[in-house]
Amino acid sequence: MAGLTYHRQVRTPTSEVYEIRDGARRMGRIDLHFASQEVYGTLILERDTDEDGVLAIIEGIDEDLVLSSEMPRQDFLVSVYQGRDAGFYNDDFMRERVAQTGGNGAVSP
């Protein structure tokens, strides 16, 4: 799919996470995990996309991110999910939430 851009969020020795954008609009994210012979991807799309569109996105990811990584691969295996971003959680958020709720899940007035 033409016009997609990728913004790296995380990189480790064997994996990468990218935000996928179509112009100014966020489309989703791809998590890539590089094994010895395969690359595994989890593609999360935040808007409905038909199968031809999904295949075009996967092809673009393969050409732009996987093949350019210069890591050998025999196969690119991708799980695709469509949904919405429900939030981002970390330890600081969880500590604050426990402090607000007294550990019972209900926010104190």
N, C-alpha and C. Protein backbone atom coordinates (compact mmCIF):
# COMPACT_ATOMS: atom_id res chain seq x y z
N MET A 1 0.85 -1.17 0.00
CA MET A 1 0.00 0.00 0.00
C MET A 1 0.90 1.24 0.00
N ALA A 2 0.74 2.05 -1.02
CA ALA A 2 1.59 3.23 -1.18
C ALA A 2 1.30 4.27 -0.11
N GLY A 3 2.34 4.99 0.26
CA GLY A 3 2.16 6.09 1.19
C GLY A 3 2.29 5.74 2.65
N LEU A 4 2.50 4.49 2.98
CA LEU A 4 2.65 4.12 4.39
C LEU A 4 4.03 4.51 4.89
N THR A 5 4.09 4.96 6.13
CA THR A 5 5.36 5.22 6.78
C THR A 5 5.41 4.43 8.07
N TYR A 6 6.61 4.13 8.51
CA TYR A 6 6.83 3.31 9.70
C TYR A 6 7.70 4.10 10.67
N HIS A 7 7.27 4.13 11.91
CA HIS A 7 8.01 4.84 12.95
C HIS A 7 8.38 3.83 14.03
N ARG A 8 9.69 3.57 14.14
CA ARG A 8 10.14 2.56 15.10
C ARG A 8 9.84 3.01 16.52
N GLN A 9 9.26 2.10 17.30
CA GLN A 9 8.94 2.33 18.70
C GLN A 9 9.93 1.61 19.61
N VAL A 10 10.32 0.40 19.22
CA VAL A 10 11.20 -0.44 20.04
C VAL A 10 12.10 -1.25 19.12
N ARG A 11 13.34 -1.46 19.58
CA ARG A 11 14.26 -2.34 18.85
C ARG A 11 15.08 -3.13 19.86
N THR A 12 15.14 -4.44 19.67
CA THR A 12 16.00 -5.32 20.45
C THR A 12 16.87 -6.08 19.45
N PRO A 13 17.80 -6.92 19.92
CA PRO A 13 18.62 -7.67 18.95
C PRO A 13 17.80 -8.57 18.02
N THR A 14 16.61 -9.01 18.43
CA THR A 14 15.84 -9.94 17.60
C THR A 14 14.41 -9.50 17.31
N SER A 15 14.05 -8.26 17.65
CA SER A 15 12.69 -7.82 17.37
C SER A 15 12.63 -6.30 17.18
N GLU A 16 11.55 -5.88 16.54
CA GLU A 16 11.29 -4.47 16.34
C GLU A 16 9.80 -4.23 16.39
N VAL A 17 9.39 -3.03 16.81
CA VAL A 17 7.99 -2.63 16.82
C VAL A 17 7.90 -1.30 16.09
N TYR A 18 6.96 -1.21 15.16
CA TYR A 18 6.76 0.00 14.39
C TYR A 18 5.31 0.45 14.45
N GLU A 19 5.10 1.76 14.55
CA GLU A 19 3.80 2.35 14.32
C GLU A 19 3.67 2.52 12.80
N ILE A 20 2.48 2.22 12.27
CA ILE A 20 2.24 2.36 10.84
C ILE A 20 1.31 3.54 10.63
N ARG A 21 1.70 4.45 9.74
CA ARG A 21 0.89 5.64 9.47
C ARG A 21 0.60 5.73 7.97
N ASP A 22 -0.58 6.22 7.68
CA ASP A 22 -0.98 6.55 6.31
C ASP A 22 -1.16 8.05 6.29
N GLY A 23 -0.11 8.75 5.91
CA GLY A 23 -0.11 10.21 6.02
C GLY A 23 -0.07 10.59 7.48
N ALA A 24 -1.01 11.43 7.90
CA ALA A 24 -1.06 11.87 9.30
C ALA A 24 -1.86 10.93 10.17
N ARG A 25 -2.50 9.94 9.56
CA ARG A 25 -3.40 9.05 10.30
C ARG A 25 -2.72 7.73 10.69
N ARG A 26 -2.84 7.39 11.96
CA ARG A 26 -2.28 6.13 12.44
C ARG A 26 -3.15 4.98 11.93
N MET A 27 -2.49 3.96 11.35
CA MET A 27 -3.21 2.78 10.86
C MET A 27 -3.12 1.62 11.83
N GLY A 28 -2.00 1.54 12.57
CA GLY A 28 -1.81 0.41 13.47
C GLY A 28 -0.36 0.23 13.82
N ARG A 29 0.01 -1.03 14.07
CA ARG A 29 1.41 -1.32 14.42
C ARG A 29 1.77 -2.72 13.96
N ILE A 30 3.06 -2.93 13.80
CA ILE A 30 3.60 -4.25 13.46
C ILE A 30 4.70 -4.59 14.45
N ASP A 31 4.59 -5.77 15.05
CA ASP A 31 5.64 -6.31 15.90
C ASP A 31 6.36 -7.37 15.08
N LEU A 32 7.67 -7.24 14.91
CA LEU A 32 8.46 -8.19 14.14
C LEU A 32 9.42 -8.92 15.06
N HIS A 33 9.48 -10.24 14.90
CA HIS A 33 10.38 -11.07 15.69
C HIS A 33 11.20 -11.91 14.73
N PHE A 34 12.53 -11.74 14.78
CA PHE A 34 13.43 -12.40 13.85
C PHE A 34 13.98 -13.67 14.49
N ALA A 35 13.59 -14.82 13.95
CA ALA A 35 14.11 -16.12 14.40
C ALA A 35 15.25 -16.52 13.46
N SER A 36 15.73 -17.75 13.59
CA SER A 36 16.88 -18.14 12.79
C SER A 36 16.57 -18.25 11.29
N GLN A 37 15.38 -18.71 10.92
CA GLN A 37 15.03 -18.86 9.51
C GLN A 37 13.73 -18.15 9.13
N GLU A 38 12.94 -17.73 10.12
CA GLU A 38 11.65 -17.10 9.85
C GLU A 38 11.57 -15.74 10.54
N VAL A 39 10.67 -14.93 10.01
CA VAL A 39 10.32 -13.67 10.67
C VAL A 39 8.84 -13.78 11.00
N TYR A 40 8.51 -13.53 12.27
CA TYR A 40 7.13 -13.59 12.72
C TYR A 40 6.64 -12.16 12.93
N GLY A 41 5.44 -11.89 12.44
CA GLY A 41 4.87 -10.56 12.60
C GLY A 41 3.49 -10.62 13.21
N THR A 42 3.19 -9.64 14.05
CA THR A 42 1.84 -9.43 14.54
C THR A 42 1.43 -8.05 14.08
N LEU A 43 0.46 -8.03 13.16
CA LEU A 43 -0.02 -6.79 12.56
C LEU A 43 -1.36 -6.44 13.20
N ILE A 44 -1.44 -5.26 13.81
CA ILE A 44 -2.67 -4.80 14.43
C ILE A 44 -3.12 -3.56 13.67
N LEU A 45 -4.28 -3.67 13.02
CA LEU A 45 -4.83 -2.57 12.24
C LEU A 45 -5.97 -1.92 13.01
N GLU A 46 -5.98 -0.60 13.06
CA GLU A 46 -6.97 0.14 13.83
C GLU A 46 -8.16 0.58 13.00
N ARG A 47 -8.21 0.16 11.76
CA ARG A 47 -9.39 0.45 10.93
C ARG A 47 -9.66 -0.76 10.05
N ASP A 48 -10.92 -0.91 9.65
CA ASP A 48 -11.29 -2.05 8.81
C ASP A 48 -10.54 -1.96 7.49
N THR A 49 -9.97 -3.09 7.10
CA THR A 49 -9.20 -3.17 5.87
C THR A 49 -9.55 -4.50 5.20
N ASP A 50 -9.89 -4.46 3.92
CA ASP A 50 -10.23 -5.71 3.24
C ASP A 50 -8.97 -6.54 3.00
N GLU A 51 -9.16 -7.78 2.58
CA GLU A 51 -8.01 -8.68 2.44
C GLU A 51 -6.98 -8.18 1.45
N ASP A 52 -7.42 -7.58 0.34
CA ASP A 52 -6.45 -7.04 -0.61
C ASP A 52 -5.61 -5.94 0.03
N GLY A 53 -6.24 -5.10 0.84
CA GLY A 53 -5.51 -4.06 1.56
C GLY A 53 -4.53 -4.63 2.56
N VAL A 54 -4.97 -5.66 3.29
CA VAL A 54 -4.09 -6.32 4.27
C VAL A 54 -2.88 -6.91 3.56
N LEU A 55 -3.12 -7.59 2.44
CA LEU A 55 -2.01 -8.19 1.69
C LEU A 55 -1.04 -7.13 1.18
N ALA A 56 -1.56 -5.99 0.76
CA ALA A 56 -0.70 -4.89 0.29
C ALA A 56 0.14 -4.34 1.44
N ILE A 57 -0.47 -4.23 2.63
CA ILE A 57 0.28 -3.75 3.80
C ILE A 57 1.38 -4.74 4.16
N ILE A 58 1.05 -6.03 4.17
CA ILE A 58 2.06 -7.05 4.50
C ILE A 58 3.19 -7.02 3.48
N GLU A 59 2.86 -6.89 2.21
CA GLU A 59 3.89 -6.82 1.16
C GLU A 59 4.80 -5.61 1.38
N GLY A 60 4.20 -4.46 1.74
CA GLY A 60 5.00 -3.28 2.01
C GLY A 60 5.91 -3.46 3.21
N ILE A 61 5.40 -4.08 4.27
CA ILE A 61 6.21 -4.34 5.47
C ILE A 61 7.37 -5.26 5.11
N ASP A 62 7.08 -6.30 4.31
CA ASP A 62 8.13 -7.23 3.90
C ASP A 62 9.22 -6.50 3.13
N GLU A 63 8.83 -5.69 2.17
CA GLU A 63 9.82 -4.99 1.35
C GLU A 63 10.55 -3.90 2.13
N ASP A 64 9.82 -3.13 2.92
CA ASP A 64 10.41 -1.96 3.57
C ASP A 64 11.14 -2.27 4.88
N LEU A 65 10.68 -3.29 5.62
CA LEU A 65 11.25 -3.55 6.95
C LEU A 65 11.95 -4.90 7.06
N VAL A 66 11.33 -5.94 6.56
CA VAL A 66 11.88 -7.29 6.76
C VAL A 66 13.08 -7.53 5.85
N LEU A 67 12.89 -7.36 4.56
CA LEU A 67 13.99 -7.62 3.63
C LEU A 67 15.14 -6.64 3.81
N SER A 68 14.85 -5.41 4.20
CA SER A 68 15.91 -4.42 4.39
C SER A 68 16.69 -4.63 5.68
N SER A 69 16.21 -5.52 6.55
CA SER A 69 16.93 -5.77 7.81
C SER A 69 18.19 -6.58 7.62
N GLU A 70 18.36 -7.17 6.44
CA GLU A 70 19.54 -7.97 6.09
C GLU A 70 19.69 -9.20 6.96
N MET A 71 18.60 -9.65 7.57
CA MET A 71 18.62 -10.90 8.32
C MET A 71 18.03 -11.96 7.39
N PRO A 72 18.69 -13.12 7.29
CA PRO A 72 18.18 -14.15 6.38
C PRO A 72 16.81 -14.65 6.82
N ARG A 73 15.96 -14.96 5.85
CA ARG A 73 14.65 -15.49 6.19
C ARG A 73 14.18 -16.46 5.12
N GLN A 74 13.52 -17.51 5.56
CA GLN A 74 12.91 -18.46 4.65
C GLN A 74 11.41 -18.17 4.51
N ASP A 75 10.80 -17.58 5.53
CA ASP A 75 9.37 -17.32 5.51
C ASP A 75 9.04 -16.11 6.38
N PHE A 76 7.96 -15.43 6.05
CA PHE A 76 7.45 -14.31 6.82
C PHE A 76 6.03 -14.68 7.21
N LEU A 77 5.82 -14.95 8.50
CA LEU A 77 4.54 -15.41 9.01
C LEU A 77 3.88 -14.28 9.78
N VAL A 78 2.66 -13.90 9.40
CA VAL A 78 2.01 -12.73 9.97
C VAL A 78 0.63 -13.08 10.50
N SER A 79 0.39 -12.74 11.76
CA SER A 79 -0.95 -12.80 12.35
C SER A 79 -1.51 -11.39 12.27
N VAL A 80 -2.77 -11.27 11.83
CA VAL A 80 -3.38 -9.96 11.62
C VAL A 80 -4.60 -9.83 12.53
N TYR A 81 -4.68 -8.70 13.22
CA TYR A 81 -5.80 -8.37 14.09
C TYR A 81 -6.32 -7.00 13.69
N GLN A 82 -7.64 -6.83 13.75
CA GLN A 82 -8.23 -5.53 13.51
C GLN A 82 -9.00 -5.12 14.75
N GLY A 83 -8.76 -3.90 15.21
CA GLY A 83 -9.40 -3.43 16.43
C GLY A 83 -9.04 -1.98 16.69
N ARG A 84 -9.10 -1.59 17.96
CA ARG A 84 -8.77 -0.22 18.33
C ARG A 84 -7.78 -0.22 19.48
N ASP A 85 -7.08 0.86 19.61
CA ASP A 85 -6.13 1.03 20.70
C ASP A 85 -6.93 1.31 21.97
N ALA A 86 -6.83 0.43 22.95
CA ALA A 86 -7.60 0.58 24.20
C ALA A 86 -6.80 1.25 25.30
N GLY A 87 -5.51 1.52 25.09
CA GLY A 87 -4.73 2.21 26.10
C GLY A 87 -3.31 1.69 26.18
N PHE A 88 -2.51 2.39 26.95
CA PHE A 88 -1.12 2.01 27.17
C PHE A 88 -0.90 2.00 28.67
N TYR A 89 -0.41 0.91 29.20
CA TYR A 89 -0.27 0.74 30.64
C TYR A 89 1.18 0.42 30.98
N ASN A 90 1.64 0.98 32.11
CA ASN A 90 2.98 0.69 32.59
C ASN A 90 2.96 0.66 34.12
N ASP A 91 4.12 0.42 34.72
CA ASP A 91 4.19 0.29 36.18
C ASP A 91 3.74 1.57 36.89
N ASP A 92 4.13 2.74 36.39
CA ASP A 92 3.72 4.00 37.03
C ASP A 92 2.19 4.12 37.05
N PHE A 93 1.56 3.81 35.93
CA PHE A 93 0.10 3.87 35.88
C PHE A 93 -0.52 2.92 36.90
N MET A 94 0.01 1.70 36.97
CA MET A 94 -0.55 0.71 37.88
C MET A 94 -0.39 1.14 39.34
N ARG A 95 0.78 1.70 39.69
CA ARG A 95 1.00 2.18 41.06
C ARG A 95 0.02 3.30 41.40
N GLU A 96 -0.16 4.23 40.47
CA GLU A 96 -1.09 5.34 40.69
C GLU A 96 -2.52 4.82 40.84
N ARG A 97 -2.87 3.87 40.03
CA ARG A 97 -4.23 3.30 40.10
C ARG A 97 -4.47 2.62 41.44
N VAL A 98 -3.49 1.87 41.92
CA VAL A 98 -3.63 1.20 43.22
C VAL A 98 -3.74 2.25 44.33
N ALA A 99 -2.96 3.33 44.23
CA ALA A 99 -3.03 4.39 45.24
C ALA A 99 -4.40 5.06 45.23
N GLN A 100 -4.98 5.26 44.05
CA GLN A 100 -6.30 5.91 43.95
C GLN A 100 -7.42 5.01 44.46
N THR A 101 -7.27 3.72 44.26
CA THR A 101 -8.37 2.80 44.57
C THR A 101 -8.21 2.11 45.91
N GLY A 102 -7.06 2.28 46.54
CA GLY A 102 -6.81 1.55 47.78
C GLY A 102 -6.67 0.05 47.52
N GLY A 103 -6.39 -0.32 46.26
CA GLY A 103 -6.17 -1.72 45.91
C GLY A 103 -7.44 -2.49 45.63
N ASN A 104 -8.63 -1.83 45.68
CA ASN A 104 -9.87 -2.57 45.46
C ASN A 104 -10.47 -2.34 44.08
N GLY A 105 -9.83 -1.54 43.22
CA GLY A 105 -10.31 -1.32 41.87
C GLY A 105 -11.24 -0.13 41.71
N ALA A 106 -11.82 0.38 42.80
CA ALA A 106 -12.73 1.52 42.72
C ALA A 106 -11.98 2.80 43.03
N VAL A 107 -12.18 3.82 42.22
CA VAL A 107 -11.50 5.11 42.42
C VAL A 107 -12.16 5.84 43.57
N SER A 108 -11.34 6.29 44.53
CA SER A 108 -11.85 7.02 45.69
C SER A 108 -12.27 8.42 45.29
N PRO A 109 -13.35 8.97 45.89
CA PRO A 109 -13.81 10.34 45.54
C PRO A 109 -12.83 11.39 46.04
